[in-house]
Structure formats: C-alpha cells, structure tokens
Amino acid sequence: AVRLRVREALRAREPAEEVRVQGWIRSVRSQKEVLFLHINDGSSLENLQVVADPSLENRDLTFGSAVEVQGKLVKSPHRMQNMELQAKTIRVVGPCDIWSFPLKMKQRQPLEYVRQFPHLRCRNNTLGSLLRIRSEATAAIHSFFQDNGYMHIHTPIITSNDCEGAGELFQVETSSEARDSADKTHFFNVPAFLTVSGQLHLEVMAGAFTHVFTFGPTFRAENSQSRRHLAEFYMVEAELSFTESLQDIMQVMEDLFKTVTSTVLSKCPRDVELFHKYVAPAQKVIQNFSFHSYLRDSFYFYCRISYSEAVEILKQASQSFTLKPEWGCDLQKEHEKYLVKHCGDIPVFVINYPYDLKPFYMRDNEDGPQHTVAAVDLLVPGIGELCGGSLREERLPFLESRLQRLGLTDAYQWYLDLRKFGSAPHGGFGMGFERYLQYILGVDNIKDVIPFPRFSHSCLL
C-alpha cells in the first residue's frame, strides 16, 4: 500500500485502490451500520474521514490513539470534504487512555489551560496550526534571502560579546565553575555568554561577502514572566555591504515582510484563519487592512518619520503616558503603539535616533545640535517595534573615538581591524521571529507563538 500523508489524501484528485495512512484519532463515531473515524497526522488542520465496517471497532479506538489505516481512497459524497478513506484494516499502534488524557475530544480548551501541559500541547489544534505556520515562515525567510543572493551564516551561540550593550546576558559556566565561585578561571579563558545577537559576527562576514544573513536562537536575561518577553527567541538578521543609504535597509525589511507573509497566507490559509477567528478575533489583523492589497501597495504600506518628529507627535498627544516623552529618551512600547495609531494603524519607520541612545557601531549622522545616528526601527500595530537596524560606522576615526570614550577599545580591537583592512559602507537589521508571528496572527501573549513555553517541572525538555 502507498503511504499518504493526511494532507496528500485530502488533496488527491483521483481515487486510489491501496493506500496507508498513519496518524492520531481526533474523533470516533460508531453507528449500527458504519464506523466513522477522523484522523490527523499534523500535516493539515483538516482531518481525514475514515469509513469502516463496525466489525473493525475495538476498545482501543479512542480519541488520541495512534493508528494505521489501510484501504481505498475514494471521492467523498459530502460537500465539505474531497476524499475519504474506506478502511479494510485498522491497527492501533498506541492506545490512549481518554480518562487521564488532559485534552478532550471536540472541546476548545483555552490556551491558558493548554499551557499547563507543554509536553502535550502540540496535539492541540491551535498549537498545531502555529507550528505549521512557523515552519512555512521559516522556510520562506530562508528562500527570500537565498533568492536575493544572501549567504547563510551560522553565528556562535556562545560568545564574549554583548552586541546590544544592555547587559541582559546569560553567563555560561561549567558546573564546577558554578560550584566554586572563588575559582576565577574560565572555561574559555574569558567570560562567555549566550548570544543576544549575531550582528557583530555577521559584520565580520560582510567584509568578504556582500550579502549575509543568519537565523538562529538569541537570549535575553530580562523578565520573561511577562506576556511580552522571552528568555530564548529566534532572530532574523542580515548585513548588506556597499550601501550608504538607510533606505536600502528599510527596503529589505519591507520586502522580507511582504514575501514571507504572502507565502504564509497562501500555504497556511486555514491555519491563519483559525487564529483570526478563534484565538484573536478582536485583533482582526488581516481583515482590518485588506492584507493582500496591503502587501502589494508599497506607498500605503509604510509611514516614515524621524525620531524628532515622533517625539513632537507624542508631546502633542491628547493622552497621557506613564513615561513622559522627551527628546533623548528611548521610545517605550506605549509611545510606539500611539505612533502607529496616529499614523493610521499602519507600519511606521522611525529613523535617525539620538547618538547617545544607540550602540557604538551605528553611523554618526554628523548633525547638530541634535546629534543623531542613522538608525531605524519598524513599528507595527499591536506590537510596537518589530525590526531594528542601522547603517554601521565604517569610518575608522569615528569608531576609534567612540570606543575610546566608552572604554571599549581593548575589547573591540578586532572590530577596529575590520575598518582598517578594506572597510566598505554597510548596514543591517534584525527582526524578532516570534514578534513577527504575533503580529500576523494577532496573538497577545508571545508565549503562545513558541513551540515550548518556558521550562516547566512537568516537562523535562
């Protein structure tokens, strides 16, 4: 028998005599003359209906059981489905005790309930849809960069660099180092941390390859108990050499977003619809701005304002903010969400941030008296900042002066070498993958867009 995935069986155009489908039972309905099963193998939100003789029924055919069904694939008489499987044999591969199984048949459990079972929650429809969307979005990101001539770089996960400069680092120690704090020796001879960004390593590669990107895990030691933060998340980062325009960086951000989102919408329409219909109906992300036309219309898609303009808009706002907006202060999430709403609930590029707000590697605009750098943040409805990038400071004297003022010259001598030997103007950006998923799906809690929630005693991962 030819093995078919559920998705393949549902999309089949012609009947097939001998097929084999493996998966898990989602529902069981036994009648006097016929037995109905719905099975799913994770390849599709839709289940495949199995029609069988009641003589094939046994006590292990329960919700959640793993089964293998062999039979004939035929056209379904029902309008809501294309094909169904007429079973000849049903083999229970792994029974499931429905009384102790925490997920129940035909019940829509809230995500708060499902989070209690991190080792089982992937069997829930909502999390299954999320994982299919993540998979397609991941593939689309890689395809976008490959199709546009970028080289994929695996940047280190353990590093001595604090790229963001915020100090939100997880330090890496051996178990013996952790036990003996008096021992000052380090496994790597220097303090090592889980990476917060692959950007600095990408800049190394951008000195030999004009277009590079990385897509991997990053870590931030900030309060991950909130609905907005994760201790571990995935970051898409890219660097472009031989560019002197912030517009070039913004264009790649825009093209990446449009391409990946179009792919997800075309390949996972039912999965995305599930989120907009049942998980986040109040958000109505795609419905609100006619998403397909939104993706096509470049002029309508983005608003562009400077940081100084943003501060003036916030100062003139009729609403009050927890943190008063002042020039030179970082924009808070409440500020970002107001700016997006003020501009018509469309994505907003904010450019040219204060020099003292940003890390040492951002390019000095040499403007005054309000000293700024060529930095950009992309703000989106409901989320705030989605992408952040800048032109990098490629001029050796400027970089040396700033590192000296910050007392970082010795630590970043290697970074200065990049400017001594064939330096070229370049820039780049990073996009939080989970925030992107939050945005297109309208999910409020970022923990609902990751495969596994934070470490739980009930799931030794």
Protein backbone atom coordinates (compact mmCIF):
# COMPACT_ATOMS: atom_id res chain seq x y z
CA ALA A 1 0.00 0.00 0.00
CA VAL A 2 1.17 3.51 -0.85
CA ARG A 3 1.68 5.64 2.23
CA LEU A 4 -0.07 9.03 2.11
CA ARG A 5 0.01 11.94 4.49
CA VAL A 6 -3.40 13.27 5.52
CA ARG A 7 -2.77 16.45 3.54
CA GLU A 8 -1.92 14.45 0.42
CA ALA A 9 -5.01 12.27 0.81
CA LEU A 10 -7.31 15.29 1.18
CA ARG A 11 -5.83 16.93 -1.92
CA ALA A 12 -5.82 13.82 -4.09
CA ARG A 13 -7.59 14.28 -7.43
CA GLU A 14 -8.20 10.62 -8.20
CA PRO A 15 -9.25 7.58 -6.13
CA ALA A 16 -6.57 5.05 -5.17
CA GLU A 17 -7.03 1.35 -4.53
CA GLU A 18 -4.39 0.59 -1.88
CA VAL A 19 -3.25 3.37 0.46
CA ARG A 20 -1.95 3.50 4.01
CA VAL A 21 -2.46 6.47 6.36
CA GLN A 22 -0.92 6.84 9.82
CA GLY A 23 -1.95 9.34 12.45
CA TRP A 24 -3.91 10.01 15.62
CA ILE A 25 -7.64 9.72 16.15
CA ARG A 26 -9.42 13.05 16.59
CA SER A 27 -12.96 11.70 16.83
CA VAL A 28 -14.84 8.38 16.87
CA ARG A 29 -18.48 7.88 15.92
CA SER A 30 -19.96 4.41 15.82
CA GLN A 31 -23.31 3.71 14.19
CA LYS A 32 -25.18 0.47 13.63
CA GLU A 33 -24.01 0.01 10.06
CA VAL A 34 -20.87 2.14 9.84
CA LEU A 35 -17.91 3.33 11.93
CA PHE A 36 -16.55 6.86 11.36
CA LEU A 37 -13.08 7.99 12.44
CA HIS A 38 -11.34 11.30 11.89
CA ILE A 39 -7.56 11.04 11.89
CA ASN A 40 -4.82 13.63 11.68
CA ASP A 41 -1.03 13.39 11.30
CA GLY A 42 -0.13 17.06 11.77
CA SER A 43 0.26 17.79 8.06
CA SER A 44 -3.08 19.62 7.88
CA LEU A 45 -5.60 21.36 10.09
CA GLU A 46 -8.32 19.30 8.39
CA ASN A 47 -8.85 15.69 9.41
CA LEU A 48 -9.26 12.75 7.05
CA GLN A 49 -12.52 10.87 7.45
CA VAL A 50 -12.21 7.09 7.66
CA VAL A 51 -15.29 4.99 6.94
CA ALA A 52 -15.15 1.41 8.25
CA ASP A 53 -17.28 -1.63 8.94
CA PRO A 54 -18.41 -1.75 12.62
CA SER A 55 -16.66 -5.14 12.93
CA LEU A 56 -13.32 -3.25 12.88
CA GLU A 57 -14.21 -1.36 16.07
CA ASN A 58 -12.37 -2.23 19.30
CA ARG A 59 -11.97 -0.65 22.74
CA ASP A 60 -8.59 0.93 21.86
CA LEU A 61 -10.08 3.08 19.07
CA THR A 62 -10.29 6.15 21.27
CA PHE A 63 -9.51 9.84 20.93
CA GLY A 64 -5.74 10.35 20.91
CA SER A 65 -4.82 6.78 19.92
CA ALA A 66 -2.17 6.30 17.24
CA VAL A 67 -3.45 4.19 14.34
CA GLU A 68 -2.51 2.87 10.93
CA VAL A 69 -5.34 2.51 8.41
CA GLN A 70 -5.16 0.69 5.10
CA GLY A 71 -7.86 0.82 2.49
CA LYS A 72 -9.25 2.55 -0.57
CA LEU A 73 -9.19 6.33 -1.13
CA VAL A 74 -12.50 7.36 -2.70
CA LYS A 75 -14.44 10.51 -3.55
CA SER A 76 -16.48 11.69 -0.58
CA PRO A 77 -20.22 12.21 -1.03
CA HIS A 78 -20.11 15.17 1.36
CA ARG A 79 -19.58 18.73 0.08
CA MET A 80 -17.22 19.70 2.92
CA GLN A 81 -14.55 17.17 2.00
CA ASN A 82 -12.97 15.97 -1.20
CA MET A 83 -11.82 12.44 -0.37
CA GLU A 84 -12.35 9.85 2.34
CA LEU A 85 -10.73 6.53 3.20
CA GLN A 86 -12.70 3.28 3.11
CA ALA A 87 -10.85 1.15 5.64
CA LYS A 88 -10.01 -2.51 5.14
CA THR A 89 -7.81 -2.78 8.22
CA ILE A 90 -7.28 -0.56 11.26
CA ARG A 91 -4.30 -1.23 13.51
CA VAL A 92 -3.94 0.54 16.86
CA VAL A 93 -0.25 1.40 17.13
CA GLY A 94 -0.51 3.12 20.50
CA PRO A 95 -3.66 3.27 22.65
CA CYS A 96 -4.61 6.39 24.61
CA ASP A 97 -6.36 6.44 27.99
CA ILE A 98 -9.03 9.05 27.33
CA TRP A 99 -9.90 9.37 31.03
CA SER A 100 -6.45 10.64 32.02
CA PHE A 101 -5.56 12.37 28.73
CA PRO A 102 -5.85 16.11 29.54
CA LEU A 103 -7.05 17.11 26.05
CA LYS A 104 -10.64 16.18 25.33
CA MET A 105 -12.43 15.34 22.11
CA LYS A 106 -14.35 18.18 20.43
CA GLN A 107 -13.53 20.64 23.23
CA ARG A 108 -11.91 24.00 22.53
CA GLN A 109 -9.61 24.37 25.52
CA PRO A 110 -8.34 27.90 26.22
CA LEU A 111 -4.63 28.49 25.76
CA GLU A 112 -4.27 29.17 29.50
CA TYR A 113 -5.33 25.57 30.12
CA VAL A 114 -3.17 24.07 27.36
CA ARG A 115 -0.04 25.87 28.68
CA GLN A 116 -0.17 23.58 31.71
CA PHE A 117 0.86 20.65 29.51
CA PRO A 118 3.91 21.81 27.50
CA HIS A 119 4.72 18.22 26.51
CA LEU A 120 1.24 17.61 25.05
CA ARG A 121 0.12 20.99 23.79
CA CYS A 122 1.36 20.38 20.23
CA ARG A 123 -1.58 17.96 19.88
CA ASN A 124 -3.96 20.86 20.31
CA ASN A 125 -5.38 22.31 17.06
CA THR A 126 -4.24 25.85 17.81
CA LEU A 127 -0.65 24.89 18.59
CA GLY A 128 -0.63 22.54 15.61
CA SER A 129 -1.61 25.43 13.35
CA LEU A 130 1.04 27.62 14.93
CA LEU A 131 3.78 25.07 14.28
CA ARG A 132 2.78 24.68 10.63
CA ILE A 133 2.83 28.48 10.26
CA ARG A 134 6.25 28.69 11.95
CA SER A 135 7.60 26.01 9.64
CA GLU A 136 6.34 27.72 6.47
CA ALA A 137 7.53 31.15 7.66
CA THR A 138 10.98 29.76 8.48
CA ALA A 139 11.28 28.20 5.02
CA ALA A 140 10.04 31.43 3.39
CA ILE A 141 12.66 33.50 5.24
CA HIS A 142 15.47 31.26 4.04
CA SER A 143 14.05 31.26 0.49
CA PHE A 144 13.80 35.06 0.46
CA PHE A 145 17.44 35.54 1.36
CA GLN A 146 18.70 32.73 -0.89
CA ASP A 147 16.70 34.07 -3.85
CA ASN A 148 18.21 37.53 -3.30
CA GLY A 149 21.82 36.36 -3.19
CA TYR A 150 22.46 36.27 0.56
CA MET A 151 24.81 33.73 2.12
CA HIS A 152 23.55 31.96 5.24
CA ILE A 153 26.00 32.17 8.16
CA HIS A 154 25.82 30.14 11.37
CA THR A 155 26.85 32.65 14.03
CA PRO A 156 28.05 31.49 17.50
CA ILE A 157 25.56 30.86 20.29
CA ILE A 158 28.26 31.16 22.99
CA THR A 159 30.18 34.43 22.69
CA SER A 160 32.08 37.02 24.71
CA ASN A 161 30.31 39.94 23.01
CA ASP A 162 27.41 42.00 24.32
CA CYS A 163 26.19 43.31 20.98
CA GLU A 164 23.26 45.30 22.36
CA GLY A 165 25.24 46.78 25.24
CA ALA A 166 22.29 46.46 27.61
CA GLY A 167 23.90 43.89 29.90
CA GLU A 168 20.93 41.49 29.68
CA LEU A 169 23.18 38.45 29.34
CA PHE A 170 23.12 34.85 30.49
CA GLN A 171 26.64 33.90 31.54
CA VAL A 172 27.85 30.43 30.57
CA GLU A 173 29.78 28.47 33.19
CA THR A 174 30.71 24.86 33.71
CA SER A 175 29.08 23.11 36.66
CA SER A 176 32.41 23.17 38.53
CA GLU A 177 32.75 26.93 37.95
CA ALA A 178 29.28 27.47 39.31
CA ARG A 179 30.07 25.46 42.46
CA ASP A 180 33.38 27.15 43.14
CA SER A 181 32.86 30.89 42.77
CA ALA A 182 36.33 31.54 44.21
CA ASP A 183 37.91 29.97 41.13
CA LYS A 184 38.45 32.86 38.72
CA THR A 185 39.49 30.75 35.73
CA HIS A 186 37.02 30.43 32.89
CA PHE A 187 36.43 27.52 30.54
CA PHE A 188 37.06 29.83 27.55
CA ASN A 189 39.69 31.91 29.43
CA VAL A 190 37.30 34.89 29.27
CA PRO A 191 33.71 35.34 30.49
CA ALA A 192 31.29 33.79 27.99
CA PHE A 193 27.61 34.46 27.42
CA LEU A 194 24.65 33.20 25.42
CA THR A 195 24.38 35.45 22.39
CA VAL A 196 21.96 38.38 22.30
CA SER A 197 22.62 38.96 18.58
CA GLY A 198 24.68 37.57 15.72
CA GLN A 199 25.20 41.02 14.21
CA LEU A 200 28.88 41.57 15.05
CA HIS A 201 29.78 38.16 13.65
CA LEU A 202 27.77 38.95 10.52
CA GLU A 203 29.77 42.15 10.11
CA VAL A 204 32.92 40.03 10.02
CA MET A 205 31.44 38.01 7.15
CA ALA A 206 30.19 41.15 5.41
CA GLY A 207 33.87 42.00 4.88
CA ALA A 208 34.15 39.08 2.46
CA PHE A 209 30.58 38.50 1.22
CA THR A 210 28.42 41.45 0.21
CA HIS A 211 25.13 39.98 1.47
CA VAL A 212 24.87 37.70 4.52
CA PHE A 213 22.16 36.62 6.93
CA THR A 214 21.65 34.43 9.98
CA PHE A 215 18.54 32.98 11.59
CA GLY A 216 19.00 31.40 14.98
CA PRO A 217 18.33 31.46 18.72
CA THR A 218 19.18 34.50 20.84
CA PHE A 219 18.85 35.04 24.58
CA ARG A 220 17.95 37.97 26.82
CA ALA A 221 18.12 37.92 30.63
CA GLU A 222 15.10 40.14 31.18
CA ASN A 223 11.77 39.41 32.84
CA SER A 224 10.40 36.58 30.71
CA GLN A 225 7.42 36.05 33.04
CA SER A 226 5.52 38.81 31.24
CA ARG A 227 3.32 38.45 28.15
CA ARG A 228 5.85 40.45 26.09
CA HIS A 229 9.21 38.83 26.74
CA LEU A 230 11.02 35.57 26.13
CA ALA A 231 14.34 34.46 27.57
CA GLU A 232 15.01 32.49 24.36
CA PHE A 233 13.74 33.53 20.95
CA TYR A 234 14.71 33.45 17.29
CA MET A 235 16.19 36.37 15.40
CA VAL A 236 16.49 37.01 11.66
CA GLU A 237 19.50 39.23 10.96
CA ALA A 238 21.05 40.49 7.73
CA GLU A 239 24.02 42.64 6.69
CA LEU A 240 24.48 44.41 3.34
CA SER A 241 27.87 45.70 2.19
CA PHE A 242 28.42 48.65 -0.15
CA THR A 243 25.33 50.57 0.91
CA GLU A 244 25.29 54.15 2.16
CA SER A 245 21.51 54.53 2.30
CA LEU A 246 19.20 53.77 5.20
CA GLN A 247 16.50 53.43 2.54
CA ASP A 248 18.26 50.27 1.27
CA ILE A 249 17.94 48.70 4.72
CA MET A 250 14.28 49.68 5.02
CA GLN A 251 13.55 48.25 1.57
CA VAL A 252 14.93 44.84 2.56
CA MET A 253 12.83 44.91 5.76
CA GLU A 254 9.73 45.71 3.70
CA ASP A 255 10.43 43.10 1.02
CA LEU A 256 11.17 40.42 3.61
CA PHE A 257 7.92 41.08 5.46
CA LYS A 258 5.79 41.12 2.31
CA THR A 259 7.34 37.99 0.80
CA VAL A 260 7.18 35.87 3.94
CA THR A 261 3.65 36.96 4.83
CA SER A 262 2.36 36.30 1.31
CA THR A 263 3.85 32.81 1.46
CA VAL A 264 2.29 32.05 4.84
CA LEU A 265 -1.12 33.28 3.69
CA SER A 266 -1.02 31.21 0.52
CA LYS A 267 0.27 28.00 2.12
CA CYS A 268 -1.48 28.08 5.51
CA PRO A 269 -4.80 29.90 4.91
CA ARG A 270 -6.87 27.67 7.20
CA ASP A 271 -4.29 27.79 9.99
CA VAL A 272 -4.11 31.60 9.87
CA GLU A 273 -7.91 31.77 9.75
CA LEU A 274 -8.14 29.69 12.92
CA PHE A 275 -6.14 32.32 14.82
CA HIS A 276 -8.12 35.25 13.45
CA LYS A 277 -11.45 33.56 14.06
CA TYR A 278 -10.98 31.88 17.44
CA VAL A 279 -7.73 32.96 19.13
CA ALA A 280 -7.54 36.68 18.39
CA PRO A 281 -10.90 37.78 16.90
CA ALA A 282 -10.60 41.24 18.46
CA GLN A 283 -7.37 41.92 16.59
CA LYS A 284 -8.69 41.06 13.10
CA VAL A 285 -5.21 41.75 11.79
CA ILE A 286 -5.66 40.75 8.18
CA GLN A 287 -9.30 41.78 7.89
CA ASN A 288 -8.64 45.30 9.17
CA PHE A 289 -6.37 46.39 6.38
CA SER A 290 -7.22 44.17 3.42
CA PHE A 291 -3.96 42.35 3.80
CA HIS A 292 -3.38 41.26 0.21
CA SER A 293 -3.71 44.78 -1.20
CA TYR A 294 -1.74 45.98 1.81
CA LEU A 295 1.14 43.74 0.76
CA ARG A 296 1.08 44.97 -2.84
CA ASP A 297 0.86 48.71 -2.21
CA SER A 298 4.33 49.90 -1.25
CA PHE A 299 3.32 53.54 -0.80
CA TYR A 300 0.43 52.76 1.51
CA PHE A 301 2.27 50.13 3.47
CA TYR A 302 4.69 52.28 5.45
CA CYS A 303 4.84 55.68 7.06
CA ARG A 304 8.30 57.22 7.57
CA ILE A 305 9.05 59.75 10.32
CA SER A 306 12.17 60.86 12.14
CA TYR A 307 12.72 60.31 15.85
CA SER A 308 12.43 64.09 16.38
CA GLU A 309 9.08 64.15 14.58
CA ALA A 310 7.93 61.20 16.66
CA VAL A 311 8.75 63.00 19.92
CA GLU A 312 6.82 66.09 18.79
CA ILE A 313 3.79 63.92 17.92
CA LEU A 314 3.94 62.31 21.36
CA LYS A 315 4.26 65.67 23.13
CA GLN A 316 1.14 66.94 21.37
CA ALA A 317 -0.84 63.78 22.10
CA SER A 318 -4.14 64.18 23.92
CA GLN A 319 -3.48 61.09 26.03
CA SER A 320 -1.05 60.94 28.92
CA PHE A 321 1.84 58.45 29.07
CA THR A 322 3.36 56.63 32.01
CA LEU A 323 6.77 57.85 30.85
CA LYS A 324 6.76 61.42 29.56
CA PRO A 325 8.26 61.66 26.04
CA GLU A 326 11.35 63.84 25.86
CA TRP A 327 13.99 64.18 23.16
CA GLY A 328 16.90 61.91 24.06
CA CYS A 329 14.77 59.30 25.84
CA ASP A 330 14.10 55.88 24.38
CA LEU A 331 10.64 55.25 22.95
CA GLN A 332 8.58 52.98 25.19
CA LYS A 333 6.00 50.47 23.95
CA GLU A 334 3.16 52.85 24.85
CA HIS A 335 4.83 55.52 22.70
CA GLU A 336 5.36 53.12 19.80
CA LYS A 337 1.75 51.94 19.81
CA TYR A 338 0.48 55.53 19.88
CA LEU A 339 2.70 56.49 16.93
CA VAL A 340 1.35 53.57 14.90
CA LYS A 341 -2.23 54.55 15.72
CA HIS A 342 -1.51 58.23 14.96
CA CYS A 343 -0.19 57.26 11.51
CA GLY A 344 -3.32 55.28 10.63
CA ASP A 345 -2.65 51.85 12.14
CA ILE A 346 -0.05 51.02 9.52
CA PRO A 347 3.63 50.09 10.00
CA VAL A 348 5.87 53.07 10.74
CA PHE A 349 9.59 53.52 10.13
CA VAL A 350 11.20 55.78 12.74
CA ILE A 351 14.68 56.93 11.69
CA ASN A 352 17.65 58.94 13.00
CA TYR A 353 17.74 58.26 16.73
CA PRO A 354 19.83 60.23 19.28
CA TYR A 355 23.53 59.38 19.19
CA ASP A 356 23.71 58.63 22.94
CA LEU A 357 20.77 56.22 22.82
CA LYS A 358 22.28 53.74 20.40
CA PRO A 359 25.21 51.27 20.46
CA PHE A 360 28.71 52.24 19.35
CA TYR A 361 28.50 50.63 15.92
CA MET A 362 25.76 52.88 14.47
CA ARG A 363 26.84 55.50 11.91
CA ASP A 364 27.18 59.10 13.10
CA ASN A 365 24.96 61.46 11.06
CA GLU A 366 27.26 64.38 11.99
CA ASP A 367 24.24 66.61 12.51
CA GLY A 368 23.67 69.15 15.17
CA PRO A 369 22.74 70.39 17.61
CA GLN A 370 20.60 67.24 17.97
CA HIS A 371 23.28 64.62 17.40
CA THR A 372 21.79 61.50 15.74
CA VAL A 373 22.81 58.21 14.16
CA ALA A 374 21.50 56.50 11.01
CA ALA A 375 19.28 54.03 12.85
CA VAL A 376 15.80 52.77 12.04
CA ASP A 377 13.06 50.90 13.92
CA LEU A 378 10.00 49.41 12.25
CA LEU A 379 6.89 49.77 14.43
CA VAL A 380 3.77 47.72 13.70
CA PRO A 381 0.18 47.73 15.06
CA GLY A 382 -0.40 45.91 18.33
CA ILE A 383 3.27 45.05 18.84
CA GLY A 384 5.45 48.15 18.66
CA GLU A 385 9.00 47.52 17.48
CA LEU A 386 9.32 44.58 15.07
CA CYS A 387 12.65 45.30 13.34
CA GLY A 388 15.65 47.41 14.25
CA GLY A 389 18.63 48.31 12.10
CA SER A 390 21.15 50.93 11.09
CA LEU A 391 24.00 51.89 8.88
CA ARG A 392 27.20 50.75 10.59
CA GLU A 393 30.03 53.14 11.34
CA GLU A 394 32.64 52.21 8.72
CA ARG A 395 34.93 55.23 9.30
CA LEU A 396 37.87 54.22 11.49
CA PRO A 397 38.48 57.61 13.22
CA PHE A 398 34.82 57.93 14.25
CA LEU A 399 34.72 54.37 15.58
CA GLU A 400 38.04 54.71 17.44
CA SER A 401 36.87 57.92 19.11
CA ARG A 402 33.61 56.42 20.29
CA LEU A 403 35.11 53.18 21.59
CA GLN A 404 37.75 55.17 23.46
CA ARG A 405 35.08 57.31 25.17
CA LEU A 406 33.20 54.15 26.16
CA GLY A 407 36.35 52.39 27.39
CA LEU A 408 35.87 49.53 24.92
CA THR A 409 38.94 49.89 22.71
CA ASP A 410 40.75 46.80 24.01
CA ALA A 411 37.65 44.59 23.90
CA TYR A 412 36.83 45.58 20.33
CA GLN A 413 40.26 45.80 18.78
CA TRP A 414 39.23 43.06 16.36
CA TYR A 415 36.24 45.17 15.34
CA LEU A 416 38.54 48.08 14.54
CA ASP A 417 40.57 45.75 12.33
CA LEU A 418 37.50 45.33 10.13
CA ARG A 419 37.73 49.07 9.40
CA LYS A 420 41.49 49.01 8.78
CA PHE A 421 41.51 46.32 6.12
CA GLY A 422 39.19 47.01 3.19
CA SER A 423 36.29 48.65 5.02
CA ALA A 424 33.14 49.30 2.97
CA PRO A 425 29.96 51.18 3.86
CA HIS A 426 27.41 48.68 5.13
CA GLY A 427 24.32 48.25 7.27
CA GLY A 428 21.88 45.70 8.52
CA PHE A 429 18.89 44.87 10.67
CA GLY A 430 17.34 42.25 12.93
CA MET A 431 13.75 41.02 13.22
CA GLY A 432 12.34 39.07 16.14
CA PHE A 433 10.69 35.99 14.63
CA GLU A 434 8.19 35.49 17.47
CA ARG A 435 7.15 39.14 17.33
CA TYR A 436 6.56 38.75 13.61
CA LEU A 437 4.29 35.77 14.28
CA GLN A 438 2.49 37.72 17.00
CA TYR A 439 1.81 40.50 14.53
CA ILE A 440 0.44 38.46 11.63
CA LEU A 441 -1.65 36.22 13.91
CA GLY A 442 -2.86 38.89 16.33
CA VAL A 443 -1.75 36.94 19.41
CA ASP A 444 -1.44 38.92 22.65
CA ASN A 445 0.82 36.60 24.66
CA ILE A 446 4.18 35.95 22.98
CA LYS A 447 4.44 32.57 24.74
CA ASP A 448 1.62 31.32 22.53
CA VAL A 449 3.77 31.54 19.40
CA ILE A 450 6.67 29.36 20.61
CA PRO A 451 6.83 25.54 20.38
CA PHE A 452 7.65 25.14 24.06
CA PRO A 453 6.79 27.51 26.90
CA ARG A 454 9.40 28.39 29.48
CA PHE A 455 10.89 25.48 31.41
CA SER A 456 8.32 23.61 33.44
CA HIS A 457 8.79 20.91 36.06
CA SER A 458 6.15 18.87 34.22
CA CYS A 459 8.22 18.72 31.03
CA LEU A 460 11.91 17.87 31.20
CA LEU A 461 13.00 19.22 27.83
